[in-house]
Amino acid sequence: MPEESKILDTEVAIVGGGLVGMAMAISLAQRDIASVLLEAQSPTETDEEQFDDRTLVINPASQLFWQDLGLWSEIESHTTTIEHVHVSNQGKFGVVKFDKDELKVPQLGHVVAAKTLANTLLKAVKQQTLISYLQPAKLLEFEATESRVKLTVEFADSSRVIAAQLMVGADGVQSPIRTRLNLPTAVKSYQRSAIVCNVTTSQRHQHRAFERLTTDGPMALLPFGNGSGQNRFGFDRFGFVWSLPTAQAEQLLKVDEESFLQQAQQLFGYRAGEFQQLGRRSSYPIYQIKVPVQHAHRVVLMGNAAHAVSPVSAQGLNLAVRGIGRLSEQLHQAKVIGQNLGSDSVLKAYQLASDEDQQRTLNYTDDLMTWFKIDEPFINVMRSLGLVAINASLNLKKTLFNTAGGLR
């Protein structure tokens, strides 16, 4: 154990320097709360745009969050707007079309490269005097006492103790912190995997996003590029997510590019044009994780450590940043009245404020994964009629937009 004299004191220690951890640190700094941000991986920053950059959706609620942090103008300059969304049911009748003009909103969302967002946040982290960013720094152990939590952290050639009023576990879906705390965790496996890649098509994206519902699972295309069709990759590309049974996904990772595009085209159709160029394919298992109680003594879980959803729904990061906003505000209010930031009452108040939003989002993404894989005549007809009804009702469209946009 490192010597007590080497203890680094801070208000909040954040374990995990990914998007969630960095956003948490910046949000706290905006509220005059100091933090130490620990990232186990060595730096891999690169600014060059690449064809295989993974894309993320920023929904309207998340846009407000980034605006509050003063980062939106920088982020927005690298985004592609979503102005139209087309939802269809493969092999069945019924479509739903969402349009920004019909809903009377500037756009339905934005698409950004995950790497670009990470670089923007990292730049902001390094500019904040209230954030101590330590990398590579591996958490070895932690111990919560009555007034603070002590973390033993390993660096390249030494170790050190960090003491904080609160530790935030933003250490990902496998979360060693969650395991160490032995918090009950509900895991639902869909026996499916998501293939994620980028594709170009014979049409410009025209700021259109697509959701294709199949009995194997949903497919999604997200527009990415400046809309002119003129960039070094040829036509604007789409971020492509394809959900299907794990065994099929494993086979599709092995087939050549032409075979993959043919099979994808057969299911998706030609509404976005002909699939042409295919990027590097990756595959991730799809499951839903919910930790009913996301805090313990002086520790709280955030992001995928607390809840994980299907990537097809594009809700994961958006749900996380709403939680970051709530926790930051809860901690700010506690600091104003002189309350210890890691006290049980503060963490319970955060959980109570977050439960409804989390459950609604998990239900929404679960419905997307389960309802459309049932292939029975009566269900097929009812599902198609449901899509027709939604498309005919502006109020229903607004309700769905607000749910997906995090505005409820």
Protein backbone atom coordinates (compact mmCIF):
# COMPACT_ATOMS: atom_id res chain seq x y z
CA MET A 1 0.00 0.00 0.00
CA PRO A 2 1.42 3.44 -0.93
CA GLU A 3 2.29 5.78 1.90
CA GLU A 4 -0.45 8.02 3.35
CA SER A 5 1.68 11.09 2.58
CA LYS A 6 1.31 10.37 -1.13
CA ILE A 7 -2.48 10.56 -1.05
CA LEU A 8 -4.04 12.76 -3.73
CA ASP A 9 -7.22 14.39 -2.42
CA THR A 10 -10.11 15.36 -4.67
CA GLU A 11 -13.87 15.70 -4.51
CA VAL A 12 -14.78 13.02 -7.07
CA ALA A 13 -12.71 10.18 -8.52
CA ILE A 14 -13.90 8.94 -11.91
CA VAL A 15 -12.75 5.51 -13.05
CA GLY A 16 -12.93 5.21 -16.83
CA GLY A 17 -11.79 7.90 -19.25
CA GLY A 18 -14.07 7.05 -22.16
CA LEU A 19 -16.88 9.26 -23.43
CA VAL A 20 -18.94 8.86 -20.25
CA GLY A 21 -16.05 9.45 -17.87
CA MET A 22 -14.81 12.52 -19.73
CA ALA A 23 -18.31 13.99 -19.99
CA MET A 24 -18.80 13.39 -16.26
CA ALA A 25 -15.58 15.22 -15.38
CA ILE A 26 -16.38 18.20 -17.63
CA SER A 27 -19.93 18.44 -16.29
CA LEU A 28 -18.63 18.47 -12.71
CA ALA A 29 -16.01 21.11 -13.53
CA GLN A 30 -18.76 23.33 -14.95
CA ARG A 31 -20.31 23.19 -11.49
CA ASP A 32 -17.03 23.95 -9.69
CA ILE A 33 -16.46 20.35 -8.55
CA ALA A 34 -12.92 18.98 -8.81
CA SER A 35 -12.26 15.47 -10.05
CA VAL A 36 -9.52 13.00 -10.84
CA LEU A 37 -10.17 11.12 -14.08
CA LEU A 38 -8.48 7.72 -14.42
CA GLU A 39 -8.04 5.97 -17.76
CA ALA A 40 -6.33 2.58 -17.90
CA GLN A 41 -5.49 2.61 -21.62
CA SER A 42 -2.54 4.45 -23.13
CA PRO A 43 -3.33 7.44 -25.38
CA THR A 44 -4.30 6.61 -28.98
CA GLU A 45 -5.55 10.00 -30.17
CA THR A 46 -5.68 10.54 -33.94
CA ASP A 47 -7.36 13.40 -35.75
CA GLU A 48 -7.41 12.01 -39.28
CA GLU A 49 -10.84 11.04 -40.60
CA GLN A 50 -11.07 7.40 -41.62
CA PHE A 51 -13.68 5.49 -43.57
CA ASP A 52 -14.22 3.02 -40.72
CA ASP A 53 -14.88 5.63 -38.03
CA ARG A 54 -17.72 4.38 -35.80
CA THR A 55 -20.71 6.72 -35.68
CA LEU A 56 -22.98 7.78 -32.83
CA VAL A 57 -26.35 9.52 -32.74
CA ILE A 58 -26.76 12.68 -30.68
CA ASN A 59 -30.45 13.13 -29.91
CA PRO A 60 -32.11 16.48 -29.04
CA ALA A 61 -31.76 16.02 -25.27
CA SER A 62 -28.04 15.25 -25.62
CA GLN A 63 -27.60 18.31 -27.82
CA LEU A 64 -28.90 20.42 -24.93
CA PHE A 65 -26.43 18.70 -22.60
CA TRP A 66 -23.45 19.51 -24.84
CA GLN A 67 -24.72 23.07 -25.24
CA ASP A 68 -24.79 23.47 -21.46
CA LEU A 69 -21.15 22.34 -21.33
CA GLY A 70 -20.19 24.91 -23.98
CA LEU A 71 -19.02 22.19 -26.38
CA TRP A 72 -21.83 22.05 -28.91
CA SER A 73 -20.44 24.50 -31.47
CA GLU A 74 -17.25 22.43 -31.72
CA ILE A 75 -19.13 19.11 -31.87
CA GLU A 76 -21.77 20.36 -34.31
CA SER A 77 -19.16 21.37 -36.88
CA HIS A 78 -18.31 17.66 -37.29
CA THR A 79 -21.85 16.28 -37.37
CA THR A 80 -24.34 15.28 -40.04
CA THR A 81 -27.96 16.19 -39.38
CA ILE A 82 -30.77 13.64 -39.54
CA GLU A 83 -33.73 15.34 -41.18
CA HIS A 84 -35.82 12.34 -42.24
CA VAL A 85 -36.27 8.85 -40.78
CA HIS A 86 -37.86 6.00 -42.75
CA VAL A 87 -39.06 2.94 -40.80
CA SER A 88 -40.21 -0.14 -42.72
CA ASN A 89 -41.16 -3.74 -42.00
CA GLN A 90 -39.37 -6.18 -44.31
CA GLY A 91 -41.76 -8.23 -46.44
CA LYS A 92 -44.86 -6.61 -44.89
CA PHE A 93 -46.96 -3.52 -45.53
CA GLY A 94 -46.75 -0.39 -43.41
CA VAL A 95 -44.11 2.32 -43.09
CA VAL A 96 -43.53 5.28 -40.78
CA LYS A 97 -41.90 8.45 -42.06
CA PHE A 98 -40.58 11.07 -39.67
CA ASP A 99 -39.76 14.47 -41.13
CA LYS A 100 -38.32 17.52 -39.39
CA ASP A 101 -40.69 19.90 -41.15
CA GLU A 102 -43.77 17.89 -40.21
CA LEU A 103 -42.63 17.73 -36.58
CA LYS A 104 -41.60 21.41 -36.72
CA VAL A 105 -38.08 20.85 -35.37
CA PRO A 106 -34.71 21.98 -36.82
CA GLN A 107 -33.57 18.35 -37.17
CA LEU A 108 -34.34 14.93 -35.74
CA GLY A 109 -30.81 14.36 -34.48
CA HIS A 110 -27.13 14.48 -35.41
CA VAL A 111 -24.59 11.82 -36.35
CA VAL A 112 -20.97 12.18 -35.25
CA ALA A 113 -17.88 9.99 -35.41
CA ALA A 114 -17.17 8.54 -31.97
CA LYS A 115 -13.48 9.38 -32.39
CA THR A 116 -14.25 13.02 -33.17
CA LEU A 117 -16.47 13.34 -30.10
CA ALA A 118 -13.78 11.69 -27.95
CA ASN A 119 -11.09 14.07 -29.22
CA THR A 120 -13.32 17.07 -28.52
CA LEU A 121 -13.96 15.90 -24.96
CA LEU A 122 -10.30 15.08 -24.36
CA LYS A 123 -9.30 18.58 -25.44
CA ALA A 124 -11.85 20.06 -23.02
CA VAL A 125 -10.67 17.78 -20.20
CA LYS A 126 -7.07 18.90 -20.62
CA GLN A 127 -8.11 22.56 -20.57
CA GLN A 128 -9.99 22.25 -17.27
CA THR A 129 -7.95 23.14 -14.19
CA LEU A 130 -10.45 21.30 -11.97
CA ILE A 131 -9.78 17.98 -13.74
CA SER A 132 -6.67 15.91 -13.05
CA TYR A 133 -6.44 13.52 -15.99
CA LEU A 134 -4.24 10.50 -15.26
CA GLN A 135 -3.40 8.03 -18.04
CA PRO A 136 -2.50 5.20 -18.09
CA ALA A 137 -3.80 4.62 -14.57
CA LYS A 138 -5.20 1.27 -13.45
CA LEU A 139 -7.46 0.91 -10.42
CA LEU A 140 -6.11 -1.86 -8.20
CA GLU A 141 -8.49 -1.65 -5.26
CA PHE A 142 -10.75 0.73 -3.38
CA GLU A 143 -12.13 1.05 0.12
CA ALA A 144 -15.00 3.23 1.30
CA THR A 145 -14.80 4.74 4.78
CA GLU A 146 -17.24 6.91 6.69
CA SER A 147 -16.14 10.17 5.07
CA ARG A 148 -14.37 9.22 1.83
CA VAL A 149 -13.34 6.47 -0.55
CA LYS A 150 -9.69 5.54 -1.09
CA LEU A 151 -8.50 4.23 -4.44
CA THR A 152 -5.17 2.51 -4.96
CA VAL A 153 -4.03 3.28 -8.50
CA GLU A 154 -1.16 1.78 -10.47
CA PHE A 155 0.83 3.87 -12.92
CA ALA A 156 3.61 2.81 -15.28
CA ASP A 157 6.31 2.82 -12.60
CA SER A 158 4.56 3.57 -9.31
CA SER A 159 1.29 3.46 -7.40
CA ARG A 160 -0.64 6.07 -5.48
CA VAL A 161 -3.68 6.47 -3.26
CA ILE A 162 -6.45 8.85 -4.32
CA ALA A 163 -9.01 9.94 -1.74
CA ALA A 164 -12.39 11.35 -2.74
CA GLN A 165 -15.82 11.96 -1.31
CA LEU A 166 -17.30 9.92 -4.18
CA MET A 167 -16.10 7.41 -6.76
CA VAL A 168 -17.88 7.22 -10.13
CA GLY A 169 -17.58 3.89 -11.93
CA ALA A 170 -17.64 4.63 -15.66
CA ASP A 171 -15.67 1.49 -16.45
CA GLY A 172 -17.88 -0.01 -19.15
CA VAL A 173 -20.30 -2.83 -19.68
CA GLN A 174 -18.13 -5.45 -17.94
CA SER A 175 -17.47 -3.03 -15.02
CA PRO A 176 -14.96 -4.53 -12.57
CA ILE A 177 -16.26 -2.00 -10.03
CA ARG A 178 -19.79 -3.37 -10.34
CA THR A 179 -18.44 -6.89 -9.91
CA ARG A 180 -16.37 -5.89 -6.89
CA LEU A 181 -19.43 -4.31 -5.26
CA ASN A 182 -21.47 -7.45 -6.00
CA LEU A 183 -24.44 -5.35 -7.06
CA PRO A 184 -27.40 -7.42 -8.34
CA THR A 185 -27.51 -7.13 -12.13
CA ALA A 186 -30.32 -8.09 -14.52
CA VAL A 187 -28.92 -9.33 -17.84
CA LYS A 188 -31.15 -10.18 -20.80
CA SER A 189 -29.49 -11.87 -23.75
CA TYR A 190 -31.17 -11.62 -27.15
CA GLN A 191 -29.01 -14.42 -28.60
CA ARG A 192 -28.10 -11.93 -31.28
CA SER A 193 -25.12 -9.88 -32.36
CA ALA A 194 -24.85 -6.51 -34.07
CA ILE A 195 -22.62 -6.20 -37.11
CA VAL A 196 -21.35 -2.62 -37.28
CA CYS A 197 -19.66 -1.11 -40.33
CA ASN A 198 -19.86 1.76 -42.80
CA VAL A 199 -21.19 1.51 -46.34
CA THR A 200 -21.51 3.75 -49.36
CA THR A 201 -24.51 3.59 -51.67
CA SER A 202 -25.33 4.80 -55.16
CA GLN A 203 -27.39 7.67 -53.71
CA ARG A 204 -26.42 10.64 -51.59
CA HIS A 205 -27.76 10.23 -48.09
CA GLN A 206 -29.89 13.42 -48.28
CA HIS A 207 -29.82 13.45 -44.47
CA ARG A 208 -32.03 10.35 -44.35
CA ALA A 209 -31.80 7.64 -41.68
CA PHE A 210 -33.42 4.25 -42.12
CA GLU A 211 -34.72 1.57 -39.78
CA ARG A 212 -35.56 -1.78 -41.37
CA LEU A 213 -37.44 -4.23 -39.16
CA THR A 214 -36.89 -7.91 -39.92
CA THR A 215 -37.67 -11.15 -38.09
CA ASP A 216 -33.93 -11.63 -37.55
CA GLY A 217 -33.65 -8.21 -35.94
CA PRO A 218 -33.58 -4.53 -36.92
CA MET A 219 -31.19 -2.96 -39.43
CA ALA A 220 -30.27 0.72 -39.33
CA LEU A 221 -28.52 3.18 -41.65
CA LEU A 222 -27.26 6.52 -40.30
CA PRO A 223 -26.23 9.31 -42.71
CA PHE A 224 -22.66 10.52 -42.39
CA GLY A 225 -20.84 13.07 -44.53
CA ASN A 226 -21.37 16.61 -45.77
CA GLY A 227 -24.25 15.73 -48.07
CA SER A 228 -22.51 16.78 -51.27
CA GLY A 229 -21.51 13.27 -52.25
CA GLN A 230 -18.01 14.60 -52.88
CA ASN A 231 -15.44 13.39 -50.39
CA ARG A 232 -12.38 11.19 -50.49
CA PHE A 233 -14.54 8.12 -49.89
CA GLY A 234 -16.75 8.76 -52.93
CA PHE A 235 -20.41 9.20 -52.10
CA ASP A 236 -21.47 10.05 -48.57
CA ARG A 237 -21.51 6.99 -46.41
CA PHE A 238 -23.89 5.46 -43.92
CA GLY A 239 -23.17 3.97 -40.55
CA PHE A 240 -24.70 0.49 -40.78
CA VAL A 241 -25.90 -1.65 -37.86
CA TRP A 242 -27.34 -5.09 -38.58
CA SER A 243 -28.83 -7.18 -35.78
CA LEU A 244 -29.18 -10.91 -36.38
CA PRO A 245 -28.69 -14.29 -34.65
CA THR A 246 -25.13 -14.70 -33.42
CA ALA A 247 -24.35 -17.74 -35.57
CA GLN A 248 -25.44 -15.87 -38.71
CA ALA A 249 -23.44 -12.82 -37.69
CA GLU A 250 -20.32 -14.93 -37.30
CA GLN A 251 -20.80 -16.34 -40.79
CA LEU A 252 -21.37 -12.91 -42.32
CA LEU A 253 -18.13 -11.65 -40.83
CA LYS A 254 -16.32 -14.32 -42.84
CA VAL A 255 -17.92 -13.90 -46.27
CA ASP A 256 -16.40 -11.63 -48.90
CA GLU A 257 -17.55 -8.06 -49.42
CA GLU A 258 -19.72 -8.84 -52.44
CA SER A 259 -21.62 -11.63 -50.68
CA PHE A 260 -22.17 -9.50 -47.59
CA LEU A 261 -23.53 -6.57 -49.57
CA GLN A 262 -25.82 -8.83 -51.59
CA GLN A 263 -27.36 -10.37 -48.48
CA ALA A 264 -27.75 -6.99 -46.80
CA GLN A 265 -29.33 -5.52 -49.94
CA GLN A 266 -31.81 -8.38 -50.19
CA LEU A 267 -33.15 -7.68 -46.71
CA PHE A 268 -32.84 -3.91 -46.74
CA GLY A 269 -34.05 -3.12 -50.25
CA TYR A 270 -33.01 -0.19 -52.46
CA ARG A 271 -34.61 2.79 -50.71
CA ALA A 272 -31.11 4.15 -49.93
CA GLY A 273 -29.70 3.09 -53.29
CA GLU A 274 -27.41 0.22 -54.19
CA PHE A 275 -24.86 -0.80 -51.57
CA GLN A 276 -21.37 -0.33 -53.02
CA GLN A 277 -18.33 0.05 -50.78
CA LEU A 278 -18.10 -1.80 -47.46
CA GLY A 279 -15.92 -0.83 -44.52
CA ARG A 280 -14.36 -3.01 -41.85
CA ARG A 281 -16.93 -5.21 -40.11
CA SER A 282 -17.11 -5.60 -36.33
CA SER A 283 -19.53 -7.64 -34.27
CA TYR A 284 -20.84 -7.16 -30.73
CA PRO A 285 -23.17 -9.36 -28.67
CA ILE A 286 -26.53 -7.71 -27.98
CA TYR A 287 -27.91 -7.83 -24.48
CA GLN A 288 -29.64 -5.55 -22.06
CA ILE A 289 -28.15 -4.80 -18.67
CA LYS A 290 -29.90 -3.03 -15.81
CA VAL A 291 -28.48 -2.62 -12.34
CA PRO A 292 -31.55 -1.92 -10.17
CA VAL A 293 -29.51 -0.23 -7.42
CA GLN A 294 -26.64 1.63 -9.08
CA HIS A 295 -24.86 2.91 -6.00
CA ALA A 296 -23.17 1.62 -2.88
CA HIS A 297 -21.41 3.41 -0.04
CA ARG A 298 -19.59 6.35 -1.72
CA VAL A 299 -19.71 4.70 -5.16
CA VAL A 300 -22.09 5.20 -8.09
CA LEU A 301 -22.15 3.53 -11.51
CA MET A 302 -22.63 5.49 -14.74
CA GLY A 303 -23.12 4.67 -18.41
CA ASN A 304 -22.82 1.06 -19.55
CA ALA A 305 -21.66 0.04 -16.10
CA ALA A 306 -25.19 0.84 -14.88
CA HIS A 307 -27.30 0.11 -17.97
CA ALA A 308 -26.61 -1.19 -21.46
CA VAL A 309 -28.96 -1.35 -24.45
CA SER A 310 -28.91 -2.56 -28.04
CA PRO A 311 -26.70 -0.44 -30.34
CA VAL A 312 -29.46 -0.55 -32.98
CA SER A 313 -31.55 1.81 -30.85
CA ALA A 314 -28.81 4.49 -30.71
CA GLN A 315 -29.81 5.18 -27.10
CA GLY A 316 -26.77 4.12 -25.06
CA LEU A 317 -24.72 7.32 -24.90
CA ASN A 318 -27.83 9.50 -24.96
CA LEU A 319 -29.21 7.76 -21.88
CA ALA A 320 -25.82 8.06 -20.19
CA VAL A 321 -25.47 11.82 -20.68
CA ARG A 322 -28.92 12.44 -19.23
CA GLY A 323 -27.76 10.59 -16.14
CA ILE A 324 -24.54 12.60 -16.04
CA GLY A 325 -26.55 15.81 -16.09
CA ARG A 326 -28.73 14.63 -13.20
CA LEU A 327 -25.84 13.42 -11.06
CA SER A 328 -23.80 16.57 -11.67
CA GLU A 329 -26.70 18.76 -10.61
CA GLN A 330 -27.37 16.59 -7.55
CA LEU A 331 -23.73 16.88 -6.50
CA HIS A 332 -23.73 20.63 -7.13
CA GLN A 333 -26.75 21.10 -4.87
CA ALA A 334 -25.10 18.97 -2.19
CA LYS A 335 -21.91 21.03 -2.34
CA VAL A 336 -23.84 24.31 -2.06
CA ILE A 337 -25.37 23.24 1.25
CA GLY A 338 -22.14 21.69 2.53
CA GLN A 339 -23.24 18.07 2.22
CA ASN A 340 -20.70 15.32 1.59
CA LEU A 341 -20.88 14.42 -2.11
CA GLY A 342 -20.76 10.70 -1.46
CA SER A 343 -23.47 10.58 1.17
CA ASP A 344 -26.17 7.94 0.77
CA SER A 345 -28.95 10.54 0.59
CA VAL A 346 -27.31 12.24 -2.41
CA LEU A 347 -26.88 8.98 -4.31
CA LYS A 348 -30.40 7.78 -3.48
CA ALA A 349 -31.82 11.08 -4.75
CA TYR A 350 -29.92 10.65 -8.02
CA GLN A 351 -31.20 7.09 -8.44
CA LEU A 352 -34.79 8.14 -7.74
CA ALA A 353 -34.55 10.93 -10.32
CA SER A 354 -33.15 8.53 -12.94
CA ASP A 355 -35.24 5.37 -12.53
CA GLU A 356 -38.21 6.35 -14.69
CA ASP A 357 -36.08 7.60 -17.60
CA GLN A 358 -33.87 4.51 -17.53
CA GLN A 359 -36.78 2.08 -17.42
CA ARG A 360 -38.65 3.86 -20.21
CA THR A 361 -35.55 3.76 -22.42
CA LEU A 362 -34.87 0.10 -21.64
CA ASN A 363 -38.48 -0.78 -22.45
CA TYR A 364 -38.29 1.15 -25.72
CA THR A 365 -35.13 -0.63 -26.87
CA ASP A 366 -36.37 -4.02 -25.68
CA ASP A 367 -39.58 -3.63 -27.70
CA LEU A 368 -37.48 -2.84 -30.76
CA MET A 369 -35.50 -6.06 -30.31
CA THR A 370 -38.37 -8.43 -29.43
CA TRP A 371 -41.67 -7.27 -30.91
CA PHE A 372 -40.51 -7.36 -34.52
CA LYS A 373 -38.91 -10.80 -34.44
CA ILE A 374 -42.25 -12.57 -33.85
CA ASP A 375 -43.23 -14.07 -37.21
CA GLU A 376 -46.86 -15.11 -36.83
CA PRO A 377 -49.71 -14.13 -39.21
CA PHE A 378 -51.87 -12.32 -36.66
CA ILE A 379 -48.91 -10.50 -35.11
CA ASN A 380 -47.60 -9.55 -38.56
CA VAL A 381 -50.92 -7.96 -39.51
CA MET A 382 -51.26 -6.11 -36.20
CA ARG A 383 -47.68 -4.88 -36.43
CA SER A 384 -48.20 -3.56 -39.95
CA LEU A 385 -51.47 -1.90 -38.97
CA GLY A 386 -49.64 -0.30 -36.06
CA LEU A 387 -47.07 1.23 -38.42
CA VAL A 388 -49.86 2.53 -40.65
CA ALA A 389 -51.62 4.06 -37.63
CA ILE A 390 -48.44 5.75 -36.41
CA ASN A 391 -47.72 7.16 -39.86
CA ALA A 392 -51.23 8.63 -40.01
CA SER A 393 -51.03 10.31 -36.59
CA LEU A 394 -48.87 13.36 -36.00
CA ASN A 395 -49.45 13.07 -32.25
CA LEU A 396 -48.13 9.50 -32.19
CA LYS A 397 -45.11 10.56 -34.21
CA LYS A 398 -44.42 13.39 -31.77
CA THR A 399 -44.68 10.97 -28.84
CA LEU A 400 -42.21 8.54 -30.41
CA PHE A 401 -39.87 11.36 -31.40
CA ASN A 402 -39.88 12.73 -27.86
CA THR A 403 -39.22 9.27 -26.42
CA ALA A 404 -36.33 8.52 -28.78
CA GLY A 405 -35.08 12.09 -28.39
CA GLY A 406 -34.92 11.89 -24.60
CA LEU A 407 -37.38 14.76 -24.25
CA ARG A 408 -39.92 12.98 -22.04
